[in-house]
């Protein structure tokens, strides 16, 4: 694939940005990759791994001359970063992000985007419980979806960014910000909150010792702990910035949970069987869509997924 951008600036050098750098280099999709991160330790680790062609100390320096700028920082600080880099963005450049929430990010970032710079919000649906520059790998986005937001995006910058994500292995879908936030509240945000809660319950249950929780963890609880190991700063910001959609889905979840409680209490096996049969079909659909696998441990033995 031919080069899509001449210079890409990565603001933040964690799992997603590091994987983007490796995937862009794998596909020969960009010229120079410039990176920065708030922590000197993170910058040093990224430099030691060779993630970028240049590592610089500040976002302002990183974005100078870049035709694509990627905000790969917690959603709670994206507005602050956008304000700082706004005067340094090159005319004609595209600004994007990889945050899990879109409406609040757009409201925080858009006021600081100068005329002539194109803002195309994005969200790759890929990740692991690991974080930091050492966690990235080029295959992270292969056959995973990346959602791009078209609320105010112009056709050419949107198409160009689409080509980049496809070149990194992703399957691109375009939707509006509010729809994105509601979909992700169902598929990601609320499940994470439930996982955090269940692991917290196990931690607080005095009749079950910590060693028993660790030794006797069945597959379901292990999957909860995998989700609950995700970056706490990122997920704090996700819930605070997607409050309405998450609360709506939590309300629906609570109603479903009460119905299951009632069925268990009444010994209503037919209700439970019908419910579990219906929900089992969702799992089959995910596998058929190529978004997971029937392999042992979901194919995650390598630690990369």
Protein backbone atom coordinates (compact mmCIF):
# COMPACT_ATOMS: atom_id res chain seq x y z
CA UNK A 1 0.00 0.00 0.00
CA UNK A 2 1.29 3.48 -0.84
CA UNK A 3 2.17 6.06 1.79
CA UNK A 4 -0.95 7.79 3.17
CA UNK A 5 0.55 10.40 5.51
CA UNK A 6 3.98 12.01 5.47
CA UNK A 7 4.31 12.64 9.19
CA UNK A 8 2.17 11.23 12.01
CA UNK A 9 2.27 12.60 15.55
CA UNK A 10 1.25 10.24 18.35
CA UNK A 11 0.24 12.04 21.55
CA UNK A 12 0.47 9.32 24.17
CA UNK A 13 2.54 6.17 23.73
CA UNK A 14 0.54 3.38 25.34
CA UNK A 15 -0.89 0.15 23.95
CA UNK A 16 -2.98 1.72 21.16
CA UNK A 17 -0.46 4.30 19.97
CA UNK A 18 2.39 1.81 20.17
CA UNK A 19 0.40 -0.72 18.16
CA UNK A 20 -0.49 1.96 15.63
CA UNK A 21 3.18 2.83 15.19
CA UNK A 22 4.10 -0.81 14.61
CA UNK A 23 1.13 -1.42 12.28
CA UNK A 24 1.84 1.72 10.25
CA UNK A 25 5.46 0.71 9.87
CA UNK A 26 4.47 -2.86 8.96
CA UNK A 27 2.34 -1.59 6.10
CA UNK A 28 4.64 1.23 4.97
CA UNK A 29 1.68 3.57 5.43
CA UNK A 30 3.45 6.71 6.65
CA UNK A 31 6.71 8.54 6.37
CA UNK A 32 7.92 9.76 9.76
CA UNK A 33 6.35 8.83 13.11
CA UNK A 34 6.87 11.33 15.93
CA UNK A 35 5.76 10.48 19.46
CA UNK A 36 5.44 12.08 22.84
CA UNK A 37 4.09 11.18 26.28
CA UNK A 38 3.67 13.02 29.55
CA UNK A 39 5.99 10.70 31.45
CA UNK A 40 9.72 10.73 30.76
CA UNK A 41 9.77 7.06 31.73
CA UNK A 42 7.19 6.28 29.02
CA UNK A 43 9.13 8.28 26.44
CA UNK A 44 12.31 6.42 27.32
CA UNK A 45 10.59 3.03 27.08
CA UNK A 46 9.11 3.93 23.69
CA UNK A 47 12.49 5.10 22.45
CA UNK A 48 14.19 1.94 23.69
CA UNK A 49 11.68 -0.15 21.76
CA UNK A 50 12.05 1.98 18.64
CA UNK A 51 8.33 2.69 18.31
CA UNK A 52 8.85 6.08 16.66
CA UNK A 53 11.37 7.73 14.41
CA UNK A 54 11.57 10.59 16.91
CA UNK A 55 10.44 10.97 20.52
CA UNK A 56 10.01 14.55 21.73
CA UNK A 57 9.22 16.09 25.09
CA UNK A 58 6.02 18.03 24.37
CA UNK A 59 2.84 17.67 22.32
CA UNK A 60 3.46 21.07 20.74
CA UNK A 61 6.77 19.88 19.34
CA UNK A 62 5.32 16.55 18.24
CA UNK A 63 2.51 18.00 16.11
CA UNK A 64 4.61 20.60 14.30
CA UNK A 65 4.59 19.72 10.61
CA UNK A 66 2.44 16.61 11.05
CA UNK A 67 -0.34 15.89 8.56
CA UNK A 68 -1.98 13.42 10.99
CA UNK A 69 -2.19 13.92 14.76
CA UNK A 70 -3.52 11.12 16.97
CA UNK A 71 -4.74 11.83 20.50
CA UNK A 72 -4.06 8.57 22.37
CA UNK A 73 -4.52 9.87 25.90
CA UNK A 74 -7.33 9.40 28.47
CA UNK A 75 -10.52 11.10 27.29
CA UNK A 76 -10.55 13.34 30.35
CA UNK A 77 -7.47 15.28 29.19
CA UNK A 78 -8.12 15.43 25.44
CA UNK A 79 -9.61 18.92 25.60
CA UNK A 80 -6.59 20.19 27.51
CA UNK A 81 -4.19 18.64 24.98
CA UNK A 82 -6.20 20.01 22.05
CA UNK A 83 -6.04 23.51 23.50
CA UNK A 84 -2.26 23.25 23.86
CA UNK A 85 -1.57 21.94 20.35
CA UNK A 86 -4.20 23.94 18.45
CA UNK A 87 -1.89 26.83 17.47
CA UNK A 88 0.76 24.37 16.25
CA UNK A 89 -1.42 22.23 13.98
CA UNK A 90 -0.53 22.52 10.30
CA UNK A 91 -3.17 23.79 7.87
CA UNK A 92 -4.78 20.83 6.10
CA UNK A 93 -3.77 18.37 8.83
CA UNK A 94 -6.17 15.79 10.24
CA UNK A 95 -6.68 15.47 13.98
CA UNK A 96 -8.13 12.22 15.32
CA UNK A 97 -8.39 10.34 18.59
CA UNK A 98 -8.74 6.76 19.82
CA UNK A 99 -10.99 7.37 22.83
CA UNK A 100 -13.81 5.07 23.93
CA UNK A 101 -16.29 7.96 24.20
CA UNK A 102 -17.10 10.27 21.33
CA UNK A 103 -19.67 12.97 22.15
CA UNK A 104 -17.81 14.40 25.14
CA UNK A 105 -14.49 14.20 23.30
CA UNK A 106 -15.93 16.14 20.38
CA UNK A 107 -17.34 18.79 22.72
CA UNK A 108 -13.98 19.11 24.48
CA UNK A 109 -11.72 19.06 21.42
CA UNK A 110 -13.64 20.77 18.59
CA UNK A 111 -13.48 24.33 20.02
CA UNK A 112 -9.69 24.19 19.87
CA UNK A 113 -9.38 22.92 16.30
CA UNK A 114 -8.30 25.82 14.06
CA UNK A 115 -9.85 26.55 10.67
CA UNK A 116 -8.32 24.40 7.95
CA UNK A 117 -7.63 21.45 10.27
CA UNK A 118 -9.94 18.43 9.93
CA UNK A 119 -11.17 16.68 13.08
CA UNK A 120 -12.23 13.06 12.52
CA UNK A 121 -12.88 11.29 15.84
CA UNK A 122 -12.18 7.56 15.94
CA UNK A 123 -12.27 4.51 18.17
CA UNK A 124 -10.46 1.23 17.41
CA UNK A 125 -12.30 -1.64 19.11
CA UNK A 126 -9.15 -3.46 20.12
CA UNK A 127 -7.09 -3.79 23.25
CA UNK A 128 -5.74 -6.01 25.98
CA UNK A 129 -5.48 -5.67 29.74
CA UNK A 130 -1.85 -4.60 29.30
CA UNK A 131 -0.82 -0.98 28.90
CA UNK A 132 2.27 1.08 28.18
CA UNK A 133 4.70 1.24 25.25
CA UNK A 134 5.90 -2.32 25.78
CA UNK A 135 2.36 -3.69 25.36
CA UNK A 136 1.84 -2.76 21.70
CA UNK A 137 2.03 -5.17 18.76
CA UNK A 138 1.43 -4.68 15.05
CA UNK A 139 -1.37 -7.24 14.78
CA UNK A 140 -3.64 -5.66 17.41
CA UNK A 141 -6.05 -4.19 14.86
CA UNK A 142 -6.14 -7.10 12.41
CA UNK A 143 -9.79 -7.94 11.62
CA UNK A 144 -10.97 -5.65 14.45
CA UNK A 145 -13.40 -2.81 13.91
CA UNK A 146 -12.45 0.84 13.99
CA UNK A 147 -15.38 3.25 14.30
CA UNK A 148 -14.99 6.68 12.71
CA UNK A 149 -17.38 9.52 13.46
CA UNK A 150 -18.87 11.50 10.60
CA UNK A 151 -20.81 14.17 12.52
CA UNK A 152 -18.74 16.99 11.07
CA UNK A 153 -16.04 15.15 9.12
CA UNK A 154 -15.32 16.16 5.54
CA UNK A 155 -15.33 13.42 2.92
CA UNK A 156 -11.66 13.46 1.87
CA UNK A 157 -10.07 13.47 5.36
CA UNK A 158 -12.53 10.76 6.44
CA UNK A 159 -11.67 8.63 3.41
CA UNK A 160 -7.95 9.13 3.95
CA UNK A 161 -8.12 8.12 7.61
CA UNK A 162 -10.25 5.13 6.60
CA UNK A 163 -7.48 3.99 4.25
CA UNK A 164 -4.95 4.25 7.08
CA UNK A 165 -7.00 2.11 9.46
CA UNK A 166 -7.70 -0.44 6.74
CA UNK A 167 -3.97 -0.52 6.00
CA UNK A 168 -3.38 -1.31 9.68
CA UNK A 169 -5.70 -4.32 9.32
CA UNK A 170 -8.94 -2.87 10.73
CA UNK A 171 -12.49 -3.06 9.40
CA UNK A 172 -13.85 0.50 9.35
CA UNK A 173 -17.43 1.53 10.08
CA UNK A 174 -18.74 5.09 10.13
CA UNK A 175 -21.45 6.32 12.53
CA UNK A 176 -22.52 9.40 14.47
CA UNK A 177 -21.20 10.16 17.95
CA UNK A 178 -24.38 9.57 19.96
CA UNK A 179 -25.00 6.19 18.34
CA UNK A 180 -21.39 5.21 19.03
CA UNK A 181 -21.70 6.07 22.72
CA UNK A 182 -24.89 4.05 23.13
CA UNK A 183 -23.46 1.01 21.29
CA UNK A 184 -20.28 1.08 23.36
CA UNK A 185 -22.24 1.44 26.59
CA UNK A 186 -23.76 -1.97 25.75
CA UNK A 187 -20.74 -3.75 24.30
CA UNK A 188 -17.90 -2.39 26.41
CA UNK A 189 -18.55 0.19 29.11
CA UNK A 190 -21.26 -1.57 31.15
CA UNK A 191 -19.55 -5.00 30.88
CA UNK A 192 -16.39 -3.42 32.27
CA UNK A 193 -18.32 -1.89 35.16
CA UNK A 194 -19.93 -5.26 35.91
CA UNK A 195 -16.53 -6.95 35.81
CA UNK A 196 -15.06 -4.38 38.19
CA UNK A 197 -18.04 -4.91 40.50
CA UNK A 198 -17.82 -8.71 40.52
CA UNK A 199 -14.10 -8.67 41.27
CA UNK A 200 -14.79 -6.14 44.02
CA UNK A 201 -17.48 -8.40 45.48
CA UNK A 202 -15.03 -11.30 45.61
CA UNK A 203 -12.48 -9.06 47.29
CA UNK A 204 -15.01 -7.93 49.93
CA UNK A 205 -16.55 -11.33 50.67
CA UNK A 206 -15.00 -12.22 54.00
CA UNK A 207 -16.19 -15.84 53.87
CA UNK A 208 -14.00 -16.46 50.80
CA UNK A 209 -10.30 -15.93 51.30
CA UNK A 210 -8.10 -14.17 48.78
CA UNK A 211 -6.14 -17.36 48.21
CA UNK A 212 -9.35 -19.28 47.43
CA UNK A 213 -10.44 -16.63 44.93
CA UNK A 214 -7.10 -16.95 43.18
CA UNK A 215 -6.72 -20.76 43.36
CA UNK A 216 -10.25 -21.76 42.46
CA UNK A 217 -11.14 -19.14 39.86
CA UNK A 218 -13.38 -20.66 37.20
CA UNK A 219 -13.28 -19.42 33.61
CA UNK A 220 -16.04 -16.84 34.11
CA UNK A 221 -14.32 -15.13 37.03
CA UNK A 222 -10.95 -15.25 35.25
CA UNK A 223 -12.50 -13.36 32.34
CA UNK A 224 -13.88 -10.79 34.78
CA UNK A 225 -10.41 -10.28 36.28
CA UNK A 226 -8.94 -9.88 32.81
CA UNK A 227 -11.38 -7.06 32.05
CA UNK A 228 -10.99 -5.53 35.51
CA UNK A 229 -7.21 -5.34 35.01
CA UNK A 230 -7.67 -2.60 32.40
CA UNK A 231 -6.18 0.85 32.91
CA UNK A 232 -8.02 2.52 35.83
CA UNK A 233 -7.45 6.11 34.65
CA UNK A 234 -8.85 5.38 31.21
CA UNK A 235 -11.95 3.66 32.58
CA UNK A 236 -12.61 6.31 35.20
CA UNK A 237 -12.71 8.88 32.40
CA UNK A 238 -14.87 6.65 30.18
CA UNK A 239 -17.61 6.35 32.79
CA UNK A 240 -17.54 10.03 33.69
CA UNK A 241 -17.72 11.02 30.03
CA UNK A 242 -20.36 8.52 28.89
CA UNK A 243 -22.52 8.89 31.98
CA UNK A 244 -25.99 9.01 30.39
CA UNK A 245 -25.63 6.03 28.07
CA UNK A 246 -23.94 3.91 30.73
CA UNK A 247 -26.60 4.68 33.33
CA UNK A 248 -29.33 3.82 30.81
CA UNK A 249 -27.80 0.42 30.07
CA UNK A 250 -27.13 -0.22 33.78
CA UNK A 251 -30.82 0.41 34.44
CA UNK A 252 -31.79 -2.15 31.83
CA UNK A 253 -29.23 -4.59 33.19
CA UNK A 254 -30.70 -4.19 36.68
CA UNK A 255 -34.19 -5.00 35.35
CA UNK A 256 -32.90 -8.15 33.65
CA UNK A 257 -31.02 -9.16 36.80
CA UNK A 258 -34.15 -8.79 38.92
CA UNK A 259 -36.06 -11.00 36.45
CA UNK A 260 -33.38 -13.69 36.74
CA UNK A 261 -33.41 -13.40 40.53
CA UNK A 262 -37.15 -13.95 40.49
CA UNK A 263 -36.84 -16.99 38.21
CA UNK A 264 -34.21 -18.56 40.47
CA UNK A 265 -36.25 -17.84 43.57
CA UNK A 266 -39.38 -19.41 42.04
CA UNK A 267 -37.53 -22.35 40.53
CA UNK A 268 -38.60 -21.26 37.03
CA UNK A 269 -36.24 -23.46 35.01
CA UNK A 270 -38.05 -22.79 31.73
CA UNK A 271 -37.41 -19.07 32.00
CA UNK A 272 -33.74 -19.60 32.78
CA UNK A 273 -33.27 -22.11 29.95
CA UNK A 274 -35.00 -19.86 27.41
CA UNK A 275 -32.96 -16.85 28.53
CA UNK A 276 -29.64 -18.68 28.38
CA UNK A 277 -30.51 -20.15 24.97
CA UNK A 278 -31.22 -16.68 23.59
CA UNK A 279 -28.04 -15.16 25.01
CA UNK A 280 -25.93 -18.10 23.83
CA UNK A 281 -26.82 -17.15 20.26
CA UNK A 282 -25.04 -13.81 20.75
CA UNK A 283 -21.80 -15.65 21.42
CA UNK A 284 -22.21 -17.69 18.23
CA UNK A 285 -22.80 -14.48 16.29
CA UNK A 286 -19.59 -12.92 17.62
CA UNK A 287 -17.58 -15.98 16.54
CA UNK A 288 -19.25 -16.10 13.12
CA UNK A 289 -18.42 -12.41 12.63
CA UNK A 290 -14.75 -13.22 13.18
CA UNK A 291 -14.51 -11.16 16.37
CA UNK A 292 -13.46 -14.06 18.60
CA UNK A 293 -12.65 -17.74 18.39
CA UNK A 294 -13.70 -21.10 19.80
CA UNK A 295 -10.05 -21.90 20.56
CA UNK A 296 -9.03 -22.75 24.10
CA UNK A 297 -8.73 -19.63 26.26
CA UNK A 298 -10.25 -17.76 23.29
CA UNK A 299 -6.90 -18.05 21.51
CA UNK A 300 -5.28 -15.75 24.06
CA UNK A 301 -2.46 -18.02 25.16
CA UNK A 302 0.06 -15.67 23.58
CA UNK A 303 -1.02 -12.87 25.91
CA UNK A 304 -1.65 -10.60 22.94
CA UNK A 305 -5.42 -10.59 22.88
